[in-house]
Amino acid sequence: MSTTAIPDRFTTLPDEHTLEATVTALEEHGFSVEVVDDLAAAREAVLARIPHGSSVMTNTSATLTETGIADAINDGGPYDSARNKMFALDFATQAQQMKAIGGQPDYALGSVHAITLEAARERIYQHSLVLEDARAIAAYGQHSQVGKVLEIHQELPGRIHVVLVRQPVGF
């Protein structure tokens, strides 16, 4: 068994002043923000925003798994799981249909590695990739890689809701 040293700056929760400043900055850039205390509250906050019957894509995320959000969407609940529809198809013959399903849900759920840009980039490569690589090797027998990085600098109000959890979750 091996262990990976994780720098504290990538796992330490922010103090209240930093959290408040982060919420303010996000709101100034068009995001709505909710701060919750634990994983159950995060799940409740996310699911409360999605009307039953909506099509929902759950992107691959340890956070969505740990909070139970992925299971609530994909395991026969009151939502139309885009992920389940995609994986019911054959990639070799139905890739175009899979892209259409994955690209057109009413809601798409995911997680973020960090909120500030320089810290986010460092965290992706020095923290998250190390942990995801270990997970991918155990799960699939192959290494992980950073293939795409999404940065959102500004958004129209009402399009993206961020739930911040006062507890470590995901990686």
C-alpha atoms as a PDB file:
ATOM      1  CA  MET A   1       0.000   0.000   0.000  1.00  0.00           C
ATOM      2  CA  SER A   2       1.293   3.458  -0.828  1.00  0.00           C
ATOM      3  CA  THR A   3       0.271   6.857   0.376  1.00  0.00           C
ATOM      4  CA  THR A   4       0.372  10.168  -1.410  1.00  0.00           C
ATOM      5  CA  ALA A   5       1.433  13.310   0.407  1.00  0.00           C
ATOM      6  CA  ILE A   6      -1.217  15.963  -0.128  1.00  0.00           C
ATOM      7  CA  PRO A   7      -0.250  19.608   0.361  1.00  0.00           C
ATOM      8  CA  ASP A   8      -2.374  21.229   3.073  1.00  0.00           C
ATOM      9  CA  ARG A   9      -3.162  24.241   0.910  1.00  0.00           C
ATOM     10  CA  PHE A  10      -5.194  22.010  -1.387  1.00  0.00           C
ATOM     11  CA  THR A  11      -7.264  20.417   1.374  1.00  0.00           C
ATOM     12  CA  THR A  12      -7.621  23.116   4.034  1.00  0.00           C
ATOM     13  CA  LEU A  13     -11.053  24.716   4.177  1.00  0.00           C
ATOM     14  CA  PRO A  14     -11.173  28.524   3.928  1.00  0.00           C
ATOM     15  CA  ASP A  15     -11.825  30.691   6.978  1.00  0.00           C
ATOM     16  CA  GLU A  16     -15.145  32.586   7.184  1.00  0.00           C
ATOM     17  CA  HIS A  17     -13.676  35.843   5.835  1.00  0.00           C
ATOM     18  CA  THR A  18     -12.254  34.067   2.779  1.00  0.00           C
ATOM     19  CA  LEU A  19     -15.496  32.167   2.275  1.00  0.00           C
ATOM     20  CA  GLU A  20     -17.544  35.392   2.384  1.00  0.00           C
ATOM     21  CA  ALA A  21     -15.165  37.077  -0.065  1.00  0.00           C
ATOM     22  CA  THR A  22     -15.427  34.081  -2.387  1.00  0.00           C
ATOM     23  CA  VAL A  23     -19.228  34.122  -2.300  1.00  0.00           C
ATOM     24  CA  THR A  24     -19.236  37.850  -3.054  1.00  0.00           C
ATOM     25  CA  ALA A  25     -16.792  37.434  -5.953  1.00  0.00           C
ATOM     26  CA  LEU A  26     -18.816  34.595  -7.458  1.00  0.00           C
ATOM     27  CA  GLU A  27     -22.042  36.580  -7.195  1.00  0.00           C
ATOM     28  CA  GLU A  28     -20.368  39.603  -8.828  1.00  0.00           C
ATOM     29  CA  HIS A  29     -19.548  37.332 -11.767  1.00  0.00           C
ATOM     30  CA  GLY A  30     -23.129  36.123 -12.238  1.00  0.00           C
ATOM     31  CA  PHE A  31     -23.163  32.924 -10.196  1.00  0.00           C
ATOM     32  CA  SER A  32     -25.735  32.205  -7.522  1.00  0.00           C
ATOM     33  CA  VAL A  33     -24.124  30.682  -4.442  1.00  0.00           C
ATOM     34  CA  GLU A  34     -25.279  28.637  -1.499  1.00  0.00           C
ATOM     35  CA  VAL A  35     -23.088  27.612   1.450  1.00  0.00           C
ATOM     36  CA  VAL A  36     -24.051  24.431   3.315  1.00  0.00           C
ATOM     37  CA  ASP A  37     -22.570  22.612   6.306  1.00  0.00           C
ATOM     38  CA  ASP A  38     -22.382  18.990   5.167  1.00  0.00           C
ATOM     39  CA  LEU A  39     -22.794  16.483   2.354  1.00  0.00           C
ATOM     40  CA  ALA A  40     -26.467  15.766   3.057  1.00  0.00           C
ATOM     41  CA  ALA A  41     -27.255  19.486   2.921  1.00  0.00           C
ATOM     42  CA  ALA A  42     -25.320  19.763  -0.354  1.00  0.00           C
ATOM     43  CA  ARG A  43     -27.376  16.930  -1.861  1.00  0.00           C
ATOM     44  CA  GLU A  44     -30.608  18.529  -0.674  1.00  0.00           C
ATOM     45  CA  ALA A  45     -29.573  21.954  -2.021  1.00  0.00           C
ATOM     46  CA  VAL A  46     -28.760  20.574  -5.467  1.00  0.00           C
ATOM     47  CA  LEU A  47     -31.790  18.315  -5.813  1.00  0.00           C
ATOM     48  CA  ALA A  48     -34.166  21.060  -4.617  1.00  0.00           C
ATOM     49  CA  ARG A  49     -33.242  23.107  -7.691  1.00  0.00           C
ATOM     50  CA  ILE A  50     -34.080  20.359 -10.218  1.00  0.00           C
ATOM     51  CA  PRO A  51     -37.747  19.751 -11.064  1.00  0.00           C
ATOM     52  CA  HIS A  52     -38.795  16.099 -11.065  1.00  0.00           C
ATOM     53  CA  GLY A  53     -38.865  14.677 -14.571  1.00  0.00           C
ATOM     54  CA  SER A  54     -36.006  16.895 -15.802  1.00  0.00           C
ATOM     55  CA  SER A  55     -33.244  15.375 -17.884  1.00  0.00           C
ATOM     56  CA  VAL A  56     -30.002  15.564 -15.908  1.00  0.00           C
ATOM     57  CA  MET A  57     -26.421  14.772 -16.881  1.00  0.00           C
ATOM     58  CA  THR A  58     -24.141  13.837 -13.983  1.00  0.00           C
ATOM     59  CA  ASN A  59     -20.558  14.419 -15.027  1.00  0.00           C
ATOM     60  CA  THR A  60     -17.958  12.100 -13.540  1.00  0.00           C
ATOM     61  CA  SER A  61     -17.207  13.483 -10.080  1.00  0.00           C
ATOM     62  CA  ALA A  62     -16.085  12.063  -6.753  1.00  0.00           C
ATOM     63  CA  THR A  63     -18.052  14.905  -5.138  1.00  0.00           C
ATOM     64  CA  LEU A  64     -21.305  13.910  -6.827  1.00  0.00           C
ATOM     65  CA  THR A  65     -20.693  10.323  -5.726  1.00  0.00           C
ATOM     66  CA  GLU A  66     -19.776  11.157  -2.112  1.00  0.00           C
ATOM     67  CA  THR A  67     -22.774  13.462  -1.639  1.00  0.00           C
ATOM     68  CA  GLY A  68     -25.184  10.881  -3.069  1.00  0.00           C
ATOM     69  CA  ILE A  69     -26.239  13.251  -5.842  1.00  0.00           C
ATOM     70  CA  ALA A  70     -25.132  10.879  -8.622  1.00  0.00           C
ATOM     71  CA  ASP A  71     -27.169   8.029  -7.116  1.00  0.00           C
ATOM     72  CA  ALA A  72     -30.222  10.257  -6.631  1.00  0.00           C
ATOM     73  CA  ILE A  73     -30.144  11.149 -10.333  1.00  0.00           C
ATOM     74  CA  ASN A  74     -29.003   7.870 -11.888  1.00  0.00           C
ATOM     75  CA  ASP A  75     -30.556   5.172  -9.704  1.00  0.00           C
ATOM     76  CA  GLY A  76     -34.222   5.306 -10.676  1.00  0.00           C
ATOM     77  CA  GLY A  77     -35.295   8.467  -8.888  1.00  0.00           C
ATOM     78  CA  PRO A  78     -37.684  11.092 -10.220  1.00  0.00           C
ATOM     79  CA  TYR A  79     -35.179  12.363 -12.815  1.00  0.00           C
ATOM     80  CA  ASP A  80     -34.416  11.390 -16.417  1.00  0.00           C
ATOM     81  CA  SER A  81     -30.752  10.339 -16.295  1.00  0.00           C
ATOM     82  CA  ALA A  82     -28.885  11.420 -19.428  1.00  0.00           C
ATOM     83  CA  ARG A  83     -25.905   9.341 -18.248  1.00  0.00           C
ATOM     84  CA  ASN A  84     -28.022   6.177 -18.143  1.00  0.00           C
ATOM     85  CA  LYS A  85     -29.455   6.892 -21.601  1.00  0.00           C
ATOM     86  CA  MET A  86     -25.968   7.433 -23.005  1.00  0.00           C
ATOM     87  CA  PHE A  87     -24.485   4.277 -21.538  1.00  0.00           C
ATOM     88  CA  ALA A  88     -27.407   2.167 -22.749  1.00  0.00           C
ATOM     89  CA  LEU A  89     -26.183   2.860 -26.292  1.00  0.00           C
ATOM     90  CA  ASP A  90     -23.314   1.256 -28.211  1.00  0.00           C
ATOM     91  CA  PHE A  91     -20.390   3.660 -28.573  1.00  0.00           C
ATOM     92  CA  ALA A  92     -19.164   1.953 -31.754  1.00  0.00           C
ATOM     93  CA  THR A  93     -22.454   2.425 -33.624  1.00  0.00           C
ATOM     94  CA  GLN A  94     -24.345   5.149 -31.722  1.00  0.00           C
ATOM     95  CA  ALA A  95     -21.704   7.719 -30.769  1.00  0.00           C
ATOM     96  CA  GLN A  96     -23.619  10.572 -32.405  1.00  0.00           C
ATOM     97  CA  GLN A  97     -26.760   9.796 -30.407  1.00  0.00           C
ATOM     98  CA  MET A  98     -24.651   9.609 -27.236  1.00  0.00           C
ATOM     99  CA  LYS A  99     -23.206  13.074 -27.949  1.00  0.00           C
ATOM    100  CA  ALA A 100     -26.672  14.490 -28.527  1.00  0.00           C
ATOM    101  CA  ILE A 101     -28.009  13.055 -25.270  1.00  0.00           C
ATOM    102  CA  GLY A 102     -24.983  14.191 -23.262  1.00  0.00           C
ATOM    103  CA  GLY A 103     -25.042  17.667 -24.737  1.00  0.00           C
ATOM    104  CA  GLN A 104     -28.715  18.516 -24.351  1.00  0.00           C
ATOM    105  CA  PRO A 105     -29.981  17.760 -20.832  1.00  0.00           C
ATOM    106  CA  ASP A 106     -32.086  20.279 -18.922  1.00  0.00           C
ATOM    107  CA  TYR A 107     -29.417  20.270 -16.181  1.00  0.00           C
ATOM    108  CA  ALA A 108     -25.745  19.298 -16.061  1.00  0.00           C
ATOM    109  CA  LEU A 109     -24.083  18.619 -12.702  1.00  0.00           C
ATOM    110  CA  GLY A 110     -20.391  18.582 -11.927  1.00  0.00           C
ATOM    111  CA  SER A 111     -17.821  19.782  -9.441  1.00  0.00           C
ATOM    112  CA  VAL A 112     -14.911  22.201  -9.400  1.00  0.00           C
ATOM    113  CA  HIS A 113     -11.312  21.834  -8.287  1.00  0.00           C
ATOM    114  CA  ALA A 114     -10.875  25.401  -7.083  1.00  0.00           C
ATOM    115  CA  ILE A 115     -12.380  28.807  -7.562  1.00  0.00           C
ATOM    116  CA  THR A 116      -9.379  31.039  -8.238  1.00  0.00           C
ATOM    117  CA  LEU A 117      -7.520  30.439 -11.477  1.00  0.00           C
ATOM    118  CA  GLU A 118      -3.896  30.024 -10.512  1.00  0.00           C
ATOM    119  CA  ALA A 119      -4.756  27.900  -7.478  1.00  0.00           C
ATOM    120  CA  ALA A 120      -7.169  25.856  -9.574  1.00  0.00           C
ATOM    121  CA  ARG A 121      -4.547  24.982 -12.151  1.00  0.00           C
ATOM    122  CA  GLU A 122      -2.028  23.985  -9.497  1.00  0.00           C
ATOM    123  CA  ARG A 123      -4.655  21.946  -7.627  1.00  0.00           C
ATOM    124  CA  ILE A 124      -5.696  20.113 -10.794  1.00  0.00           C
ATOM    125  CA  TYR A 125      -2.180  18.909 -11.560  1.00  0.00           C
ATOM    126  CA  GLN A 126      -0.645  18.605  -8.094  1.00  0.00           C
ATOM    127  CA  HIS A 127      -3.627  17.268  -6.135  1.00  0.00           C
ATOM    128  CA  SER A 128      -6.662  16.112  -8.110  1.00  0.00           C
ATOM    129  CA  LEU A 129      -4.783  14.373 -10.929  1.00  0.00           C
ATOM    130  CA  VAL A 130      -2.666  12.415  -8.437  1.00  0.00           C
ATOM    131  CA  LEU A 131      -5.785  11.144  -6.649  1.00  0.00           C
ATOM    132  CA  GLU A 132      -7.772  10.575  -9.859  1.00  0.00           C
ATOM    133  CA  ASP A 133      -4.844   8.688 -11.377  1.00  0.00           C
ATOM    134  CA  ALA A 134      -4.770   6.297  -8.415  1.00  0.00           C
ATOM    135  CA  ARG A 135      -8.562   5.855  -8.681  1.00  0.00           C
ATOM    136  CA  ALA A 136      -8.395   5.223 -12.450  1.00  0.00           C
ATOM    137  CA  ILE A 137      -5.620   2.658 -12.090  1.00  0.00           C
ATOM    138  CA  ALA A 138      -7.622   0.788  -9.429  1.00  0.00           C
ATOM    139  CA  ALA A 139     -10.894   1.017 -11.363  1.00  0.00           C
ATOM    140  CA  TYR A 140      -9.780   0.650 -14.985  1.00  0.00           C
ATOM    141  CA  GLY A 141      -6.138  -0.433 -14.912  1.00  0.00           C
ATOM    142  CA  GLN A 142      -5.034   2.697 -16.748  1.00  0.00           C
ATOM    143  CA  HIS A 143      -3.662   6.117 -15.909  1.00  0.00           C
ATOM    144  CA  SER A 144      -5.698   9.299 -15.908  1.00  0.00           C
ATOM    145  CA  GLN A 145      -4.762  12.541 -17.606  1.00  0.00           C
ATOM    146  CA  VAL A 146      -5.884  16.141 -17.808  1.00  0.00           C
ATOM    147  CA  GLY A 147      -7.503  16.397 -21.219  1.00  0.00           C
ATOM    148  CA  LYS A 148      -9.636  19.492 -20.864  1.00  0.00           C
ATOM    149  CA  VAL A 149      -9.815  22.382 -18.405  1.00  0.00           C
ATOM    150  CA  LEU A 150     -12.974  24.486 -18.268  1.00  0.00           C
ATOM    151  CA  GLU A 151     -12.730  28.029 -16.947  1.00  0.00           C
ATOM    152  CA  ILE A 152     -15.810  30.179 -16.442  1.00  0.00           C
ATOM    153  CA  HIS A 153     -15.003  33.810 -15.813  1.00  0.00           C
ATOM    154  CA  GLN A 154     -18.486  35.322 -16.072  1.00  0.00           C
ATOM    155  CA  GLU A 155     -21.995  33.970 -16.435  1.00  0.00           C
ATOM    156  CA  LEU A 156     -25.448  35.313 -17.054  1.00  0.00           C
ATOM    157  CA  PRO A 157     -27.369  35.377 -13.755  1.00  0.00           C
ATOM    158  CA  GLY A 158     -29.524  32.296 -13.171  1.00  0.00           C
ATOM    159  CA  ARG A 159     -27.507  29.877 -15.282  1.00  0.00           C
ATOM    160  CA  ILE A 160     -24.988  28.458 -12.792  1.00  0.00           C
ATOM    161  CA  HIS A 161     -25.619  27.740  -9.131  1.00  0.00           C
ATOM    162  CA  VAL A 162     -22.648  26.902  -6.928  1.00  0.00           C
ATOM    163  CA  VAL A 163     -23.044  24.938  -3.690  1.00  0.00           C
ATOM    164  CA  LEU A 164     -20.048  25.333  -1.383  1.00  0.00           C
ATOM    165  CA  VAL A 165     -19.714  22.753   1.384  1.00  0.00           C
ATOM    166  CA  ARG A 166     -18.062  23.482   4.746  1.00  0.00           C
ATOM    167  CA  GLN A 167     -16.584  20.009   4.720  1.00  0.00           C
ATOM    168  CA  PRO A 168     -13.925  18.241   2.640  1.00  0.00           C
ATOM    169  CA  VAL A 169     -15.449  16.344  -0.275  1.00  0.00           C
ATOM    170  CA  GLY A 170     -14.140  14.853  -3.496  1.00  0.00           C
ATOM    171  CA  PHE A 171     -10.681  15.680  -4.732  1.00  0.00           C
END
